[in-house]
Structure formats: C-alpha cells, structure tokens
Amino acid sequence: MVALGLNLQYGLMRIMNISHGEFLMLGAYLTWLGHTVLQVNPLVFLPVVALALFVLGVVVYWLCFQRITRTAPAVEVIEARSLLVGFGLMFLVQNIAYLAWGADLRGYSFLTDALDIGGARLMTNRLVVFAFAVGASLLLLAVLRWTLIGKAVRAMMQSPTGAQLVGIDTRFLHPVVFGAGIALAGVAGALLSMVYEISPGMGEPYTVTALIVIVLGGLGSAGGCLLGGFLLGLVETFGMHFTSPSLKMLLSYAVLTGVLLARPKGLFAR
C-alpha cells in the first residue's frame, strides 16, 4: 500500500516524495491515539485516518509541491526539486512527532489470539492486516481501471500532454491523487500499528522498501507495484528462513540491483 501511494504520486506528477514514510508514521500514531485515548476499534478508525491523511496530503501538495509541478521546465527538474523538498519535509514531520510523542516505543494489544491454519499458528491481527491491505490494494486497482477518475489518472500517466488536450483538469487531479497517495500511506501505518510497536522514526525503512517495490514493478505501474511487493515479500521471507533475519535489507538490495541490471524498467513494465 505504501508503494502504491508513492507510485501514484511519481507516475502522475513525477514527484519523488521521499517523506512518504513519515505519513505512514502519522497514520500509525493517529490510530494509536484513537484506540488508547478514545477507545475506538482500530479497524473502525481506519476511515478517519484515511480522511485525515487525505486532507493533510492535499494541504502538503499545495504548500510544498504545487509550485514545483507548475514551474519546472522539465520532468527531470520536478524529480530533483521534489526530492530535495521531500528530504526537508521528512525531517520536519519526524521531528514534530518526536516533540509531540517522544522517542519511546508505543503500542497496544489488538487481536493477539493465535489461529491454527494447516498446522501453522498465525496471529489473528496479522491475518486481518494482510486481508485489509490486499483488499485495499485490489480496490485501488479496480478504481484505476474502471472508474472515470481512474481512467483520467492512467491517461495522465501515459501522456500528460494528450490528457490535457482532451480536457482532463490537472489542477484538480494532481492534489487529489497526491492526497490519495498520502491516505494510502496513513492507512498502511494504521494497519501496522495493530501488529508492531510504533515510533517517530518508523517511516524511513518503509520508504526505502516502497522505492524498491516500485523499481521491481515498474515506475508508474500500479499492478506491477502490487506484484513487485508480493515478490519482494517472498524473497525476504524465504531468504531470511534459509539464511539469517539480519540479512533482510541485504536481500532486498540484492534483488533491486539484479532487477536494475537485467530489466531497468522493472519486471512488469510494458
């Protein structure tokens, strides 16, 4: 989900938002607050997190990235400038979180019972998180494929100039898609908070993983991004099983390097 949101932003606007993981962290903290302070079920709180992060994403786009996309003379300039802005935004959001909640790990207990499935014991919260993540990802793919706004997004990804010539309003579409990408990251953070402890620095590793997944699946390809995520997950799981859990990131970077050498456009790019 994190990679899908980041891929939407890059595929449509060429914005390399390196601060994407920090909004995952904000979604996790919002869910933690909703459960521990308001006593709201984390699953029930997901729409609130999605809406809050969507609005925040639209505001961030207007304040930080709108001028870049409108004034940059070339795509390469958008990528370079947005990367620099993203770095600054990453440190800003992260340090605000440190000031608000401190550096201590936070967490809560949710659906911690184990289920026996085919002789394997699986935690209920992990199964629920997996089902919600897959369902949300498939729903996004369906929206992109069969709805009018989804077709407009795909048209902008394929040919921005052609899409504008046929009347697609980029002034409306850009902030909406950017906000949707941030909302996806926030929902992903909310789901992760049901399984793992959270901290202000938790977003950075997920940003790196999302970038690897995007390269695997192909820049701008939502379906390829989903398949790339499954592939990377399988490689990490089996790799850690037969080697060592400490080699997780090494395995990820090895896959990334191999794909860049063999298929620079991604495994599932057309």
Protein backbone atom coordinates (compact mmCIF):
# COMPACT_ATOMS: atom_id res chain seq x y z
CA MET A 1 0.00 0.00 0.00
CA VAL A 2 2.85 2.38 0.79
CA ALA A 3 4.46 1.65 -2.57
CA LEU A 4 1.15 2.05 -4.41
CA GLY A 5 0.64 5.51 -2.94
CA LEU A 6 4.17 6.61 -3.75
CA ASN A 7 3.91 5.15 -7.25
CA LEU A 8 0.71 7.11 -7.88
CA GLN A 9 2.45 10.36 -6.98
CA TYR A 10 5.51 9.63 -9.08
CA GLY A 11 3.66 8.13 -12.03
CA LEU A 12 1.25 11.04 -12.36
CA MET A 13 3.34 14.07 -11.34
CA ARG A 14 6.94 12.77 -11.23
CA ILE A 15 7.07 13.84 -7.57
CA MET A 16 9.66 11.77 -5.71
CA ASN A 17 8.21 12.19 -2.22
CA ILE A 18 10.96 10.75 -0.04
CA SER A 19 8.96 11.79 3.05
CA HIS A 20 6.18 9.31 2.21
CA GLY A 21 7.00 7.02 5.13
CA GLU A 22 6.54 9.83 7.65
CA PHE A 23 2.85 9.97 6.78
CA LEU A 24 2.68 6.23 7.43
CA MET A 25 4.05 7.06 10.86
CA LEU A 26 1.38 9.75 11.38
CA GLY A 27 -1.34 7.25 10.45
CA ALA A 28 0.06 4.81 12.99
CA TYR A 29 0.07 7.45 15.75
CA LEU A 30 -3.45 8.60 14.91
CA THR A 31 -4.69 5.02 15.22
CA TRP A 32 -2.80 4.55 18.47
CA LEU A 33 -4.37 7.72 19.87
CA GLY A 34 -7.82 6.69 18.69
CA HIS A 35 -7.54 3.30 20.37
CA THR A 36 -5.79 4.27 23.61
CA VAL A 37 -7.42 7.65 24.26
CA LEU A 38 -10.83 7.43 22.56
CA GLN A 39 -11.19 3.63 22.96
CA VAL A 40 -12.15 3.23 19.29
CA ASN A 41 -11.62 -0.06 17.48
CA PRO A 42 -8.60 0.42 15.14
CA LEU A 43 -10.48 -1.12 12.20
CA VAL A 44 -13.41 1.25 12.73
CA PHE A 45 -10.95 4.15 12.93
CA LEU A 46 -9.41 3.42 9.50
CA PRO A 47 -11.80 5.72 7.53
CA VAL A 48 -11.00 8.58 9.93
CA VAL A 49 -7.27 8.06 9.39
CA ALA A 50 -7.73 7.88 5.62
CA LEU A 51 -9.75 11.11 5.52
CA ALA A 52 -7.38 12.98 7.85
CA LEU A 53 -4.29 11.95 5.88
CA PHE A 54 -6.02 12.73 2.56
CA VAL A 55 -6.75 16.29 3.69
CA LEU A 56 -3.22 16.63 5.04
CA GLY A 57 -1.85 15.33 1.74
CA VAL A 58 -3.80 17.90 -0.27
CA VAL A 59 -2.50 20.68 2.01
CA VAL A 60 1.08 19.40 1.71
CA TYR A 61 0.77 19.35 -2.07
CA TRP A 62 -0.50 22.93 -2.18
CA LEU A 63 2.19 24.19 0.19
CA CYS A 64 5.22 22.19 -0.96
CA PHE A 65 4.82 20.66 -4.42
CA GLN A 66 2.28 22.63 -6.44
CA ARG A 67 4.71 25.36 -7.46
CA ILE A 68 7.32 22.75 -8.43
CA THR A 69 4.99 20.90 -10.81
CA ARG A 70 3.76 24.12 -12.42
CA THR A 71 7.03 25.98 -12.89
CA ALA A 72 9.62 23.25 -13.55
CA PRO A 73 10.76 23.35 -17.20
CA ALA A 74 11.30 19.58 -17.47
CA VAL A 75 10.39 16.31 -15.78
CA GLU A 76 13.95 15.87 -14.51
CA VAL A 77 13.71 19.21 -12.70
CA ILE A 78 10.46 18.14 -10.99
CA GLU A 79 12.12 14.94 -9.78
CA ALA A 80 15.22 16.72 -8.46
CA ARG A 81 13.37 19.57 -6.74
CA SER A 82 10.70 17.31 -5.22
CA LEU A 83 13.42 15.01 -3.88
CA LEU A 84 15.04 17.92 -2.03
CA VAL A 85 11.70 19.18 -0.71
CA GLY A 86 10.85 15.63 0.35
CA PHE A 87 14.01 15.34 2.41
CA GLY A 88 13.22 18.57 4.24
CA LEU A 89 9.63 17.51 4.81
CA MET A 90 10.79 14.14 6.14
CA PHE A 91 12.95 15.71 8.84
CA LEU A 92 10.26 18.30 9.67
CA VAL A 93 7.46 15.76 10.18
CA GLN A 94 9.73 13.35 12.03
CA ASN A 95 10.94 15.98 14.49
CA ILE A 96 7.40 17.27 15.10
CA ALA A 97 6.48 13.70 16.01
CA TYR A 98 9.45 13.47 18.38
CA LEU A 99 8.32 16.69 20.07
CA ALA A 100 4.72 15.51 20.32
CA TRP A 101 5.18 11.90 21.43
CA GLY A 102 8.85 11.48 22.37
CA ALA A 103 11.22 8.75 21.26
CA ASP A 104 9.67 5.94 23.31
CA LEU A 105 8.06 2.98 21.55
CA ARG A 106 4.26 2.98 21.68
CA GLY A 107 1.81 0.18 21.09
CA TYR A 108 -1.41 -1.53 22.05
CA SER A 109 -2.81 -5.05 22.12
CA PHE A 110 -5.29 -5.93 19.37
CA LEU A 111 -6.50 -9.38 18.24
CA THR A 112 -3.48 -11.16 19.67
CA ASP A 113 -5.08 -14.62 19.70
CA ALA A 114 -3.41 -17.27 17.55
CA LEU A 115 -5.23 -19.34 14.92
CA ASP A 116 -4.28 -22.82 13.75
CA ILE A 117 -4.33 -22.96 9.94
CA GLY A 118 -2.96 -26.04 8.23
CA GLY A 119 -0.78 -26.88 11.19
CA ALA A 120 0.66 -23.37 11.40
CA ARG A 121 -0.14 -20.92 14.19
CA LEU A 122 -0.84 -17.43 12.86
CA MET A 123 -1.69 -14.30 14.82
CA THR A 124 -5.20 -13.03 14.16
CA ASN A 125 -4.08 -9.39 13.86
CA ARG A 126 -1.56 -10.28 11.14
CA LEU A 127 -4.23 -12.11 9.13
CA VAL A 128 -6.63 -9.17 9.47
CA VAL A 129 -3.93 -6.67 8.44
CA PHE A 130 -2.99 -8.82 5.43
CA ALA A 131 -6.62 -9.13 4.33
CA PHE A 132 -7.26 -5.39 4.64
CA ALA A 133 -4.03 -4.50 2.81
CA VAL A 134 -4.77 -6.85 -0.09
CA GLY A 135 -8.39 -5.72 -0.25
CA ALA A 136 -7.47 -2.02 -0.28
CA SER A 137 -4.82 -2.59 -2.96
CA LEU A 138 -7.23 -4.52 -5.20
CA LEU A 139 -9.88 -1.84 -4.67
CA LEU A 140 -7.41 0.83 -5.80
CA LEU A 141 -6.57 -1.18 -8.91
CA ALA A 142 -10.29 -1.53 -9.67
CA VAL A 143 -10.80 2.23 -9.26
CA LEU A 144 -7.90 2.95 -11.63
CA ARG A 145 -9.21 0.51 -14.22
CA TRP A 146 -12.97 1.01 -14.25
CA THR A 147 -13.83 4.47 -12.94
CA LEU A 148 -13.74 7.77 -14.80
CA ILE A 149 -11.21 9.36 -12.45
CA GLY A 150 -9.09 6.20 -12.64
CA LYS A 151 -9.04 6.38 -16.42
CA ALA A 152 -8.06 10.05 -16.19
CA VAL A 153 -5.16 9.14 -13.88
CA ARG A 154 -3.95 6.42 -16.25
CA ALA A 155 -4.24 8.80 -19.19
CA MET A 156 -2.11 11.37 -17.36
CA MET A 157 0.49 8.70 -16.59
CA GLN A 158 0.70 7.63 -20.23
CA SER A 159 0.61 11.05 -21.90
CA PRO A 160 0.23 14.22 -19.78
CA THR A 161 0.04 16.48 -22.82
CA GLY A 162 -2.52 14.30 -24.60
CA ALA A 163 -4.63 14.05 -21.45
CA GLN A 164 -4.76 17.83 -21.08
CA LEU A 165 -5.68 18.21 -24.75
CA VAL A 166 -8.79 16.07 -24.23
CA GLY A 167 -9.90 18.17 -21.26
CA ILE A 168 -8.54 16.44 -18.15
CA ASP A 169 -8.17 19.02 -15.38
CA THR A 170 -4.70 18.62 -13.86
CA ARG A 171 -5.33 21.39 -11.31
CA PHE A 172 -7.99 19.12 -9.77
CA LEU A 173 -6.36 15.75 -10.40
CA HIS A 174 -2.88 16.46 -9.03
CA PRO A 175 -3.84 17.38 -5.43
CA VAL A 176 -6.50 14.63 -5.30
CA VAL A 177 -4.06 11.91 -6.38
CA PHE A 178 -1.31 13.23 -4.11
CA GLY A 179 -3.76 13.23 -1.19
CA ALA A 180 -4.89 9.70 -2.07
CA GLY A 181 -1.27 8.54 -2.02
CA ILE A 182 -0.76 10.04 1.43
CA ALA A 183 -4.04 8.47 2.60
CA LEU A 184 -2.82 5.04 1.47
CA ALA A 185 0.37 5.53 3.49
CA GLY A 186 -1.68 6.58 6.52
CA VAL A 187 -3.93 3.52 6.30
CA ALA A 188 -0.85 1.32 5.95
CA GLY A 189 0.55 2.89 9.13
CA ALA A 190 -2.76 2.31 10.91
CA LEU A 191 -2.66 -1.37 9.96
CA LEU A 192 0.97 -1.72 11.04
CA SER A 193 0.18 -0.22 14.45
CA MET A 194 -2.11 -3.20 15.08
CA VAL A 195 0.87 -5.56 14.84
CA TYR A 196 4.07 -3.67 15.67
CA GLU A 197 5.20 -1.03 18.14
CA ILE A 198 5.49 2.44 16.63
CA SER A 199 7.98 5.30 16.91
CA PRO A 200 8.64 8.63 15.14
CA GLY A 201 11.45 7.06 13.11
CA MET A 202 9.48 4.07 11.84
CA GLY A 203 8.68 5.55 8.43
CA GLU A 204 12.13 5.63 6.82
CA PRO A 205 12.58 1.85 6.28
CA TYR A 206 9.15 1.64 4.67
CA THR A 207 10.03 4.45 2.26
CA VAL A 208 13.15 2.53 1.19
CA THR A 209 11.15 -0.68 0.79
CA ALA A 210 8.48 1.16 -1.21
CA LEU A 211 11.11 2.53 -3.59
CA ILE A 212 12.50 -0.99 -4.11
CA VAL A 213 9.00 -2.32 -4.80
CA ILE A 214 8.33 0.47 -7.31
CA VAL A 215 11.54 -0.31 -9.18
CA LEU A 216 10.67 -4.02 -9.22
CA GLY A 217 7.16 -3.45 -10.53
CA GLY A 218 7.94 -0.60 -12.90
CA LEU A 219 7.62 3.14 -12.35
CA GLY A 220 4.03 4.26 -12.83
CA SER A 221 2.59 0.72 -12.93
CA ALA A 222 0.08 0.13 -10.12
CA GLY A 223 -0.45 -3.54 -10.95
CA GLY A 224 3.28 -4.12 -11.29
CA CYS A 225 3.79 -2.40 -7.95
CA LEU A 226 1.41 -4.86 -6.24
CA LEU A 227 3.13 -7.86 -7.85
CA GLY A 228 6.54 -6.41 -7.00
CA GLY A 229 5.51 -6.14 -3.35
CA PHE A 230 4.46 -9.80 -3.24
CA LEU A 231 7.71 -10.84 -4.96
CA LEU A 232 9.89 -8.86 -2.57
CA GLY A 233 7.97 -10.27 0.40
CA LEU A 234 8.54 -13.84 -0.80
CA VAL A 235 12.24 -13.21 -1.39
CA GLU A 236 12.70 -11.69 2.06
CA THR A 237 10.68 -14.42 3.81
CA PHE A 238 12.42 -17.39 2.21
CA GLY A 239 15.78 -15.64 2.22
CA MET A 240 15.62 -14.96 5.96
CA HIS A 241 14.41 -18.52 6.59
CA PHE A 242 17.38 -20.11 4.83
CA THR A 243 19.99 -17.51 5.87
CA SER A 244 19.55 -15.02 8.72
CA PRO A 245 16.91 -12.40 9.66
CA SER A 246 19.69 -9.83 9.92
CA LEU A 247 20.20 -10.11 6.14
CA LYS A 248 16.73 -8.80 5.25
CA MET A 249 17.85 -5.46 3.79
CA LEU A 250 20.82 -7.10 2.07
CA LEU A 251 18.43 -9.46 0.29
CA SER A 252 16.21 -6.52 -0.73
CA TYR A 253 19.13 -4.55 -2.15
CA ALA A 254 20.43 -7.64 -3.94
CA VAL A 255 17.06 -8.08 -5.67
CA LEU A 256 16.98 -4.36 -6.51
CA THR A 257 20.47 -4.47 -8.03
CA GLY A 258 19.68 -7.57 -10.05
CA VAL A 259 16.48 -6.09 -11.47
CA LEU A 260 18.18 -2.80 -12.36
CA LEU A 261 20.88 -4.69 -14.23
CA ALA A 262 18.54 -7.13 -16.01
CA ARG A 263 15.36 -5.03 -16.53
CA PRO A 264 15.92 -1.34 -15.72
CA LYS A 265 12.27 -0.50 -16.46
CA GLY A 266 11.01 -3.09 -13.95
CA LEU A 267 9.90 -6.70 -14.11
CA PHE A 268 6.30 -5.94 -15.03
CA ALA A 269 6.69 -2.76 -17.09
CA ARG A 270 5.20 -2.86 -20.56
